[in-house]
């Protein structure tokens, strides 16, 4: 294999693919990126067996077509360190890849392309198309609530629910829940649910730009495939049944609070400084026109803060994990936040004041 390519054309897909490749692998070839040169196109592929990312670069000047795998992060680091102007030449000699750029020359070890695993093709169940900005917004609004390394493996991912006229993303770690909905004519008669693993969600989010350019999602029985520009992203799906999220959304709250989102976030962050390092609990005391926030820790240190809110009704004291509340404030896009409560033992329902299709549920804490 021999080809010449500009630094920027090679570095951009390499950086994306290096994010998919894990540093520590049981199979050495999984630390590598597969380079395949043919015609005037260079295809780069990275995988960790759970997610796969393929990037295509063209036009590329290919003198000798071929396929080889090389260490992904080392090649990305080399490209990053090279100058912008001079083109990069890649040349395979035996079991080595030579990288030349101006006066710089590097020799990297390789592994045969035949050792590189392929994600198997499968028949598609359905496909849908939407703008990158809409899908990106939905993932950003919910992904933070996914569990990390929970024994309930189906929580370590994001539910993608496709109905006839909507798409929903839902994530929960058992203590909080995030839901985003987008009206979308999918043409699917029967509702379908799939669970995308955490790694797949995070890598797909990185690919999406805040543009109206479409992303095409193809969903099969075991995989989700997304085509974004010159990239094709594939993720395995998690087998299992996602909890019935509709059951945990509180519907009968009689205490509705409107607050300035930025002011509430700042108040919570100040109180969090002196909250217990492990449980991160804060106590909210709600009364007409005012919300007070209290925190303390085992060192007998205390924090107390307050802000004006739009609320008229009975007083209420309730405890929450302050990190969960701040995460929701960060996820909301509206200046005004609406919080619906019922009693000290019931979850809070948090939404933007103008219904933007997103809602959040946070369970209370005993403090």
Protein backbone atom coordinates (compact mmCIF):
# COMPACT_ATOMS: atom_id res chain seq x y z
CA UNK A 1 0.00 0.00 0.00
CA UNK A 2 1.25 3.47 -0.89
CA UNK A 3 -0.66 6.75 -0.82
CA UNK A 4 -0.32 10.49 -0.31
CA UNK A 5 -2.81 12.47 1.76
CA UNK A 6 -3.07 15.89 3.40
CA UNK A 7 -2.54 16.06 7.17
CA UNK A 8 -5.99 17.49 7.90
CA UNK A 9 -7.78 14.88 5.76
CA UNK A 10 -6.11 12.08 7.72
CA UNK A 11 -6.15 13.63 11.19
CA UNK A 12 -9.89 14.45 11.34
CA UNK A 13 -11.20 10.86 10.96
CA UNK A 14 -8.26 9.46 12.92
CA UNK A 15 -9.16 11.50 15.99
CA UNK A 16 -12.78 10.33 15.85
CA UNK A 17 -11.79 6.69 15.38
CA UNK A 18 -9.14 6.81 18.12
CA UNK A 19 -11.99 7.65 20.53
CA UNK A 20 -13.68 4.34 19.70
CA UNK A 21 -10.48 2.30 20.10
CA UNK A 22 -9.82 1.25 23.71
CA UNK A 23 -6.32 1.73 25.14
CA UNK A 24 -6.17 -1.65 26.88
CA UNK A 25 -7.30 -4.54 24.72
CA UNK A 26 -7.20 -8.28 25.14
CA UNK A 27 -6.71 -8.52 21.37
CA UNK A 28 -3.81 -6.35 20.12
CA UNK A 29 -5.50 -5.74 16.76
CA UNK A 30 -8.33 -3.89 18.53
CA UNK A 31 -5.86 -1.12 19.44
CA UNK A 32 -5.26 -0.62 15.73
CA UNK A 33 -7.06 1.26 12.97
CA UNK A 34 -7.71 -0.57 9.70
CA UNK A 35 -6.50 1.41 6.68
CA UNK A 36 -7.90 0.37 3.30
CA UNK A 37 -6.80 2.25 0.15
CA UNK A 38 -8.56 1.68 -3.15
CA UNK A 39 -9.26 3.88 -6.18
CA UNK A 40 -9.04 7.44 -4.88
CA UNK A 41 -10.46 6.62 -1.42
CA UNK A 42 -8.93 5.81 1.97
CA UNK A 43 -11.22 4.05 4.45
CA UNK A 44 -10.36 4.03 8.17
CA UNK A 45 -12.08 1.63 10.59
CA UNK A 46 -11.84 1.34 14.39
CA UNK A 47 -13.74 -0.98 16.73
CA UNK A 48 -13.82 -2.26 20.30
CA UNK A 49 -16.20 -5.11 19.35
CA UNK A 50 -19.13 -3.16 20.81
CA UNK A 51 -19.02 -0.12 18.54
CA UNK A 52 -17.43 0.39 15.13
CA UNK A 53 -16.66 3.64 13.30
CA UNK A 54 -15.78 3.83 9.62
CA UNK A 55 -14.53 7.07 8.06
CA UNK A 56 -13.95 7.67 4.35
CA UNK A 57 -11.53 10.22 2.89
CA UNK A 58 -11.47 11.19 -0.79
CA UNK A 59 -9.95 12.18 -3.05
CA UNK A 60 -6.66 10.55 -1.99
CA UNK A 61 -3.71 9.91 -4.30
CA UNK A 62 -3.33 6.10 -4.12
CA UNK A 63 -0.23 4.70 -5.89
CA UNK A 64 -0.66 1.14 -4.60
CA UNK A 65 -3.97 -0.10 -3.15
CA UNK A 66 -3.89 -2.29 -0.04
CA UNK A 67 -5.13 -2.94 3.48
CA UNK A 68 -3.22 -2.88 6.79
CA UNK A 69 -3.80 -2.16 10.49
CA UNK A 70 -1.61 0.20 12.56
CA UNK A 71 -1.74 1.52 16.15
CA UNK A 72 -4.54 4.10 16.10
CA UNK A 73 -3.39 6.45 18.85
CA UNK A 74 0.25 6.50 17.74
CA UNK A 75 -0.71 7.37 14.17
CA UNK A 76 -3.09 10.08 15.42
CA UNK A 77 -0.39 11.52 17.71
CA UNK A 78 2.10 11.60 14.82
CA UNK A 79 -0.37 13.40 12.52
CA UNK A 80 -1.22 15.87 15.27
CA UNK A 81 2.47 16.72 15.77
CA UNK A 82 3.24 17.25 12.07
CA UNK A 83 3.11 20.60 10.29
CA UNK A 84 0.02 21.72 8.40
CA UNK A 85 1.53 22.29 4.98
CA UNK A 86 3.43 19.22 3.74
CA UNK A 87 1.45 16.17 2.52
CA UNK A 88 1.82 12.86 4.34
CA UNK A 89 3.01 9.73 2.55
CA UNK A 90 2.01 6.30 3.88
CA UNK A 91 3.99 3.32 2.59
CA UNK A 92 3.74 -0.31 3.72
CA UNK A 93 7.05 -2.18 3.62
CA UNK A 94 6.84 -5.76 4.88
CA UNK A 95 5.27 -5.65 8.32
CA UNK A 96 5.97 -1.95 8.87
CA UNK A 97 4.22 1.29 7.88
CA UNK A 98 6.40 4.24 6.98
CA UNK A 99 4.94 7.69 7.62
CA UNK A 100 6.80 10.49 5.85
CA UNK A 101 6.13 14.21 5.96
CA UNK A 102 8.78 16.68 4.85
CA UNK A 103 11.96 15.93 6.80
CA UNK A 104 10.07 13.76 9.35
CA UNK A 105 9.91 9.99 9.07
CA UNK A 106 8.29 7.40 11.35
CA UNK A 107 8.08 3.62 11.22
CA UNK A 108 5.12 1.90 12.86
CA UNK A 109 4.44 -1.79 13.54
CA UNK A 110 1.46 -3.32 11.75
CA UNK A 111 -0.84 -6.33 11.98
CA UNK A 112 -2.48 -8.03 8.98
CA UNK A 113 -5.87 -6.68 7.91
CA UNK A 114 -7.22 -10.24 7.95
CA UNK A 115 -6.96 -10.22 11.77
CA UNK A 116 -9.27 -7.22 12.05
CA UNK A 117 -12.83 -8.14 13.16
CA UNK A 118 -15.81 -7.07 11.08
CA UNK A 119 -19.21 -6.18 12.50
CA UNK A 120 -21.55 -8.61 10.80
CA UNK A 121 -24.22 -7.28 8.48
CA UNK A 122 -27.80 -8.09 9.38
CA UNK A 123 -31.19 -7.36 7.84
CA UNK A 124 -32.58 -3.99 8.87
CA UNK A 125 -35.84 -3.84 10.83
CA UNK A 126 -36.50 -0.20 10.04
CA UNK A 127 -34.77 3.08 9.26
CA UNK A 128 -35.47 6.72 9.98
CA UNK A 129 -33.95 10.05 9.05
CA UNK A 130 -33.73 13.23 11.10
CA UNK A 131 -31.49 16.27 11.44
CA UNK A 132 -28.18 15.93 13.27
CA UNK A 133 -29.09 18.85 15.54
CA UNK A 134 -32.37 17.23 16.68
CA UNK A 135 -30.77 13.86 17.45
CA UNK A 136 -27.80 15.54 19.12
CA UNK A 137 -30.12 17.61 21.31
CA UNK A 138 -32.02 14.48 22.39
CA UNK A 139 -28.84 12.58 23.28
CA UNK A 140 -27.37 15.55 25.16
CA UNK A 141 -30.63 15.99 27.08
CA UNK A 142 -30.71 12.40 28.36
CA UNK A 143 -27.33 10.63 28.15
CA UNK A 144 -26.07 12.00 31.49
CA UNK A 145 -28.67 9.92 33.37
CA UNK A 146 -27.36 6.57 32.08
CA UNK A 147 -26.00 4.19 34.71
CA UNK A 148 -22.32 3.28 34.82
CA UNK A 149 -21.40 -0.39 35.40
CA UNK A 150 -24.73 -1.24 37.02
CA UNK A 151 -25.42 -4.96 37.48
CA UNK A 152 -28.75 -4.23 35.79
CA UNK A 153 -26.94 -4.12 32.46
CA UNK A 154 -29.95 -2.69 30.60
CA UNK A 155 -29.53 0.55 32.59
CA UNK A 156 -25.99 1.02 31.23
CA UNK A 157 -27.39 2.45 28.03
CA UNK A 158 -30.06 4.61 26.46
CA UNK A 159 -33.54 3.56 25.40
CA UNK A 160 -34.43 4.54 21.85
CA UNK A 161 -38.19 4.32 21.40
CA UNK A 162 -39.64 4.73 17.93
CA UNK A 163 -43.37 5.26 17.52
CA UNK A 164 -45.49 6.14 14.52
CA UNK A 165 -45.19 9.89 15.10
CA UNK A 166 -42.32 10.31 17.58
CA UNK A 167 -38.83 9.34 18.67
CA UNK A 168 -37.95 9.20 22.36
CA UNK A 169 -34.67 8.82 24.21
CA UNK A 170 -34.85 7.72 27.85
CA UNK A 171 -32.08 7.08 30.38
CA UNK A 172 -32.19 6.15 34.07
CA UNK A 173 -29.76 4.92 36.71
CA UNK A 174 -32.51 3.99 39.16
CA UNK A 175 -32.27 7.30 41.08
CA UNK A 176 -33.17 9.72 38.29
CA UNK A 177 -34.71 9.62 34.84
CA UNK A 178 -34.28 11.78 31.74
CA UNK A 179 -36.64 11.75 28.76
CA UNK A 180 -36.58 13.65 25.47
CA UNK A 181 -39.17 13.45 22.71
CA UNK A 182 -39.12 14.64 19.12
CA UNK A 183 -42.17 14.64 16.86
CA UNK A 184 -41.20 12.63 13.80
CA UNK A 185 -43.21 10.89 11.09
CA UNK A 186 -41.48 7.50 11.16
CA UNK A 187 -44.03 5.48 9.20
CA UNK A 188 -43.67 2.65 11.74
CA UNK A 189 -47.02 1.14 12.70
CA UNK A 190 -45.86 -0.78 15.76
CA UNK A 191 -43.78 0.89 18.51
CA UNK A 192 -40.22 -0.41 18.80
CA UNK A 193 -37.70 -0.10 21.63
CA UNK A 194 -33.94 -0.76 21.51
CA UNK A 195 -31.21 -0.09 24.09
CA UNK A 196 -27.97 1.49 22.84
CA UNK A 197 -24.95 0.90 25.12
CA UNK A 198 -23.27 3.79 26.92
CA UNK A 199 -20.14 3.74 24.75
CA UNK A 200 -22.25 3.79 21.60
CA UNK A 201 -24.30 6.77 22.80
CA UNK A 202 -21.22 8.83 23.71
CA UNK A 203 -19.41 8.12 20.44
CA UNK A 204 -22.51 8.84 18.33
CA UNK A 205 -22.96 12.16 20.18
CA UNK A 206 -19.42 13.20 19.22
CA UNK A 207 -20.15 12.63 15.53
CA UNK A 208 -23.22 14.87 15.42
CA UNK A 209 -23.00 18.58 14.62
CA UNK A 210 -25.53 21.30 15.36
CA UNK A 211 -26.70 21.41 11.74
CA UNK A 212 -29.82 20.47 9.79
CA UNK A 213 -27.88 17.93 7.71
CA UNK A 214 -29.62 14.57 8.07
CA UNK A 215 -28.42 11.50 9.95
CA UNK A 216 -29.81 8.16 8.80
CA UNK A 217 -30.45 5.56 11.53
CA UNK A 218 -30.82 1.92 10.50
CA UNK A 219 -31.95 -0.38 13.30
CA UNK A 220 -31.75 -4.17 13.16
CA UNK A 221 -32.33 -6.86 15.74
CA UNK A 222 -28.81 -6.61 17.21
CA UNK A 223 -27.26 -3.41 15.84
CA UNK A 224 -27.90 0.25 15.29
CA UNK A 225 -26.15 1.88 12.34
CA UNK A 226 -25.91 5.63 11.78
CA UNK A 227 -24.65 7.34 8.64
CA UNK A 228 -23.35 10.85 9.36
CA UNK A 229 -21.66 12.54 6.40
CA UNK A 230 -18.59 10.47 5.46
CA UNK A 231 -18.85 8.33 8.61
CA UNK A 232 -20.70 5.08 9.24
CA UNK A 233 -21.17 4.27 12.91
CA UNK A 234 -22.37 0.87 14.15
CA UNK A 235 -23.19 -0.15 17.72
CA UNK A 236 -24.34 -3.42 19.17
CA UNK A 237 -27.62 -3.22 21.09
CA UNK A 238 -28.10 -4.33 24.69
CA UNK A 239 -30.38 -7.32 25.06
CA UNK A 240 -32.94 -6.97 27.82
CA UNK A 241 -36.11 -5.14 28.73
CA UNK A 242 -35.91 -1.50 29.75
CA UNK A 243 -38.00 -0.56 32.82
CA UNK A 244 -41.49 0.86 32.26
CA UNK A 245 -40.42 4.50 32.52
CA UNK A 246 -43.99 5.81 32.32
CA UNK A 247 -44.72 4.34 35.76
CA UNK A 248 -42.05 6.42 37.52
CA UNK A 249 -43.08 9.80 36.05
CA UNK A 250 -45.06 11.54 38.84
CA UNK A 251 -48.44 12.76 37.58
CA UNK A 252 -50.24 14.11 40.65
CA UNK A 253 -47.95 16.81 42.05
CA UNK A 254 -49.86 19.75 43.53
CA UNK A 255 -46.91 22.05 44.33
CA UNK A 256 -45.65 23.81 41.19
CA UNK A 257 -42.57 26.03 41.43
CA UNK A 258 -41.19 28.31 38.71
CA UNK A 259 -37.59 29.51 39.12
CA UNK A 260 -34.83 31.13 37.10
CA UNK A 261 -32.71 28.21 35.93
CA UNK A 262 -29.31 29.94 36.18
CA UNK A 263 -30.04 31.38 39.65
CA UNK A 264 -31.24 27.99 40.93
CA UNK A 265 -28.18 26.25 39.50
CA UNK A 266 -25.82 28.76 41.14
CA UNK A 267 -27.62 28.46 44.49
CA UNK A 268 -27.38 24.65 44.39
CA UNK A 269 -23.70 24.74 43.42
CA UNK A 270 -22.85 27.07 46.30
CA UNK A 271 -24.63 24.87 48.83
CA UNK A 272 -23.02 21.74 47.35
CA UNK A 273 -19.57 22.94 48.44
CA UNK A 274 -20.32 21.96 52.04
CA UNK A 275 -22.50 18.91 51.34
CA UNK A 276 -21.46 15.42 52.45
CA UNK A 277 -18.71 14.22 50.07
CA UNK A 278 -20.29 10.79 49.63
CA UNK A 279 -24.05 11.26 49.61
CA UNK A 280 -24.06 14.88 48.27
CA UNK A 281 -27.38 15.61 49.92
CA UNK A 282 -29.03 19.04 50.20
CA UNK A 283 -32.32 19.96 51.87
CA UNK A 284 -34.77 22.22 50.07
CA UNK A 285 -37.23 24.24 52.12
CA UNK A 286 -40.06 25.64 50.03
CA UNK A 287 -42.41 28.38 51.16
CA UNK A 288 -44.45 31.07 49.41
CA UNK A 289 -42.15 33.07 47.15
CA UNK A 290 -38.91 31.54 48.45
CA UNK A 291 -36.77 28.42 48.14
CA UNK A 292 -34.05 27.89 50.75
CA UNK A 293 -31.25 25.38 50.31
CA UNK A 294 -29.34 23.80 53.24
CA UNK A 295 -26.29 21.54 53.29
CA UNK A 296 -23.99 20.17 55.98
CA UNK A 297 -21.26 17.58 56.40
CA UNK A 298 -19.65 15.41 59.13
CA UNK A 299 -17.21 18.24 59.96
CA UNK A 300 -20.15 20.25 61.34
CA UNK A 301 -19.85 22.72 58.44
CA UNK A 302 -23.05 24.23 57.09
CA UNK A 303 -24.28 26.13 54.08
CA UNK A 304 -27.54 28.04 53.72
CA UNK A 305 -28.73 29.92 50.66
CA UNK A 306 -32.02 31.09 49.19
CA UNK A 307 -33.62 32.51 46.07
CA UNK A 308 -36.94 33.99 45.10
CA UNK A 309 -39.30 31.67 43.24
CA UNK A 310 -42.79 31.85 41.79
CA UNK A 311 -44.72 29.66 44.25
CA UNK A 312 -47.82 30.07 46.37
CA UNK A 313 -48.84 27.13 48.53
CA UNK A 314 -48.04 24.95 51.50
CA UNK A 315 -44.51 24.75 52.87
CA UNK A 316 -42.45 21.65 52.09
CA UNK A 317 -39.05 20.28 53.09
CA UNK A 318 -37.43 17.65 50.87
CA UNK A 319 -33.91 16.26 50.34
CA UNK A 320 -32.13 15.55 47.05
CA UNK A 321 -28.73 14.55 45.70
CA UNK A 322 -27.49 18.00 44.62
CA UNK A 323 -25.43 16.56 41.74
CA UNK A 324 -28.60 15.17 40.14
CA UNK A 325 -30.33 18.55 40.36
CA UNK A 326 -27.36 20.42 38.89
CA UNK A 327 -27.13 17.90 36.04
CA UNK A 328 -30.74 18.65 35.15
CA UNK A 329 -30.12 22.42 35.26
CA UNK A 330 -27.22 21.91 32.84
CA UNK A 331 -29.36 19.82 30.49
CA UNK A 332 -32.27 22.26 30.30
CA UNK A 333 -32.13 24.89 27.55
CA UNK A 334 -34.81 27.25 28.87
CA UNK A 335 -34.26 30.26 31.15
CA UNK A 336 -37.19 29.26 33.37
CA UNK A 337 -37.52 25.88 35.06
CA UNK A 338 -40.75 24.29 36.29
CA UNK A 339 -40.55 21.92 39.29
CA UNK A 340 -43.59 19.89 40.35
CA UNK A 341 -43.61 18.34 43.85
CA UNK A 342 -46.17 16.61 46.04
CA UNK A 343 -44.55 15.55 49.36
CA UNK A 344 -41.21 14.78 51.00
CA UNK A 345 -41.29 11.13 49.88
CA UNK A 346 -42.25 11.64 46.24
CA UNK A 347 -40.04 12.29 43.24
CA UNK A 348 -39.69 15.74 41.68
CA UNK A 349 -40.74 16.33 38.08
CA UNK A 350 -38.55 18.97 36.43
CA UNK A 351 -39.26 20.53 33.03
CA UNK A 352 -38.59 23.67 31.04
CA UNK A 353 -41.32 26.28 31.49
CA UNK A 354 -42.11 26.10 27.78
CA UNK A 355 -42.64 22.44 26.94
CA UNK A 356 -39.61 21.47 24.83
CA UNK A 357 -40.24 17.72 24.89
CA UNK A 358 -37.80 17.03 27.75
CA UNK A 359 -38.64 16.03 31.30
CA UNK A 360 -36.63 14.86 34.30
CA UNK A 361 -37.51 12.84 37.39
CA UNK A 362 -35.31 12.95 40.51
CA UNK A 363 -35.97 10.72 43.51
CA UNK A 364 -35.83 12.33 46.97
CA UNK A 365 -33.28 11.48 49.71
CA UNK A 366 -33.77 11.00 53.42
CA UNK A 367 -31.47 13.44 55.21
